[in-house]
Amino acid sequence: MPSLILNDEQVTQLGRLDVAVAVSDSRGFALGHLVPKDAYLKLVYAWARTEFTDAELIAAKSDPGGMTTSELLESLERLEPHAPVNTTERQTQFNSQNDVTESIGAHAS
């Protein structure tokens, strides 16, 4: 996720962030909302709970297996030693797709 670094003056203008704040440009065009961290986490967790059924969560918790991303990439490389996994290329492709999506989103308003 891209980040925005606020200067000291902007931090002072926000004050103690305990409620959502609308963020607008100098013309008053709404750019988005700045939500306190605790509220953001509650929203994300609420959304995540809708993505999986209770049965799927129970099955995932009871599954004794699992591996990290790096372990997965290593295991894939062992399966196809002549076709190494190029994570840099995939990341570049992912970033390019995000750039296009963000560009479209910026002009869709």
Protein backbone atom coordinates (compact mmCIF):
# COMPACT_ATOMS: atom_id res chain seq x y z
CA MET A 1 0.00 0.00 0.00
CA PRO A 2 1.42 3.41 -0.87
CA SER A 3 2.02 5.70 2.07
CA LEU A 4 1.78 9.43 2.59
CA ILE A 5 4.21 11.12 4.96
CA LEU A 6 2.76 14.14 6.73
CA ASN A 7 4.88 17.09 7.77
CA ASP A 8 4.71 18.45 11.32
CA GLU A 9 2.20 21.16 10.39
CA GLN A 10 -0.17 18.62 8.85
CA VAL A 11 0.11 16.37 11.89
CA THR A 12 -0.76 19.37 14.08
CA GLN A 13 -3.78 20.18 11.87
CA LEU A 14 -5.08 16.65 12.31
CA GLY A 15 -4.68 16.84 16.04
CA ARG A 16 -5.25 13.64 17.94
CA LEU A 17 -6.79 11.41 15.30
CA ASP A 18 -9.68 9.68 17.08
CA VAL A 19 -12.35 10.06 14.39
CA ALA A 20 -12.33 9.69 10.60
CA VAL A 21 -11.21 12.81 8.74
CA ALA A 22 -12.18 13.71 5.17
CA VAL A 23 -9.13 14.61 3.09
CA SER A 24 -9.66 17.13 0.28
CA ASP A 25 -7.51 19.03 -2.17
CA SER A 26 -7.29 22.84 -2.21
CA ARG A 27 -10.48 23.05 -4.34
CA GLY A 28 -12.48 21.00 -1.85
CA PHE A 29 -12.47 17.85 -4.00
CA ALA A 30 -12.71 14.84 -1.69
CA LEU A 31 -9.64 12.63 -2.07
CA GLY A 32 -10.50 10.10 0.61
CA HIS A 33 -10.80 9.54 4.32
CA LEU A 34 -8.16 9.16 6.96
CA VAL A 35 -9.35 6.64 9.51
CA PRO A 36 -7.74 6.08 12.93
CA LYS A 37 -5.63 2.92 13.08
CA ASP A 38 -7.96 1.10 15.50
CA ALA A 39 -11.02 1.84 13.34
CA TYR A 40 -9.12 0.77 10.21
CA LEU A 41 -8.17 -2.57 11.79
CA LYS A 42 -11.77 -3.16 12.86
CA LEU A 43 -12.94 -2.54 9.29
CA VAL A 44 -10.30 -4.84 7.82
CA TYR A 45 -11.06 -7.62 10.28
CA ALA A 46 -14.81 -7.27 9.68
CA TRP A 47 -14.22 -7.53 5.93
CA ALA A 48 -11.88 -10.53 6.38
CA ARG A 49 -14.53 -12.36 8.43
CA THR A 50 -16.88 -12.16 5.43
CA GLU A 51 -14.35 -13.78 3.10
CA PHE A 52 -14.38 -17.24 4.70
CA THR A 53 -17.11 -19.47 6.05
CA ASP A 54 -16.84 -20.87 9.58
CA ALA A 55 -16.23 -24.30 8.06
CA GLU A 56 -13.30 -22.95 5.99
CA LEU A 57 -11.76 -21.32 9.06
CA ILE A 58 -12.08 -24.52 11.09
CA ALA A 59 -10.54 -26.55 8.25
CA ALA A 60 -7.64 -24.11 7.93
CA LYS A 61 -6.96 -24.16 11.67
CA SER A 62 -6.99 -27.96 11.76
CA ASP A 63 -4.64 -28.31 8.76
CA PRO A 64 -1.24 -29.25 10.23
CA GLY A 65 0.66 -28.19 7.09
CA GLY A 66 1.68 -24.87 5.71
CA MET A 67 4.77 -23.03 4.57
CA THR A 68 6.14 -19.56 4.18
CA THR A 69 6.30 -17.82 0.81
CA SER A 70 10.05 -18.40 0.58
CA GLU A 71 9.56 -22.11 1.39
CA LEU A 72 6.92 -22.32 -1.34
CA LEU A 73 9.19 -20.66 -3.91
CA GLU A 74 12.04 -23.00 -2.99
CA SER A 75 9.79 -26.05 -3.36
CA LEU A 76 8.60 -24.83 -6.77
CA GLU A 77 12.19 -24.36 -7.91
CA ARG A 78 12.96 -27.93 -6.86
CA LEU A 79 10.03 -29.19 -8.95
CA GLU A 80 11.23 -27.40 -12.10
CA PRO A 81 14.99 -26.90 -11.81
CA HIS A 82 15.21 -25.69 -15.43
CA ALA A 83 12.55 -23.03 -14.96
CA PRO A 84 13.54 -20.92 -11.94
CA VAL A 85 10.89 -18.80 -10.30
CA ASN A 86 11.59 -15.17 -11.16
CA THR A 87 10.04 -13.28 -8.26
CA THR A 88 11.47 -9.95 -9.44
CA GLU A 89 9.70 -10.22 -12.80
CA ARG A 90 6.43 -11.20 -11.13
CA GLN A 91 6.71 -8.30 -8.68
CA THR A 92 7.33 -5.92 -11.60
CA GLN A 93 4.26 -7.27 -13.39
CA PHE A 94 2.22 -6.91 -10.21
CA ASN A 95 3.42 -3.35 -9.70
CA SER A 96 2.61 -2.47 -13.31
CA GLN A 97 -0.91 -3.82 -12.91
CA ASN A 98 -1.35 -1.80 -9.71
CA ASP A 99 -0.07 1.33 -11.44
CA VAL A 100 -2.66 0.89 -14.18
CA THR A 101 -5.43 0.22 -11.66
CA GLU A 102 -4.45 3.25 -9.56
CA SER A 103 -4.26 5.39 -12.71
CA ILE A 104 -7.72 4.27 -13.81
CA GLY A 105 -9.10 4.82 -10.32
CA ALA A 106 -7.64 8.32 -10.21
CA HIS A 107 -9.35 9.28 -13.47
CA ALA A 108 -12.66 7.53 -12.81
CA SER A 109 -13.83 10.15 -10.30
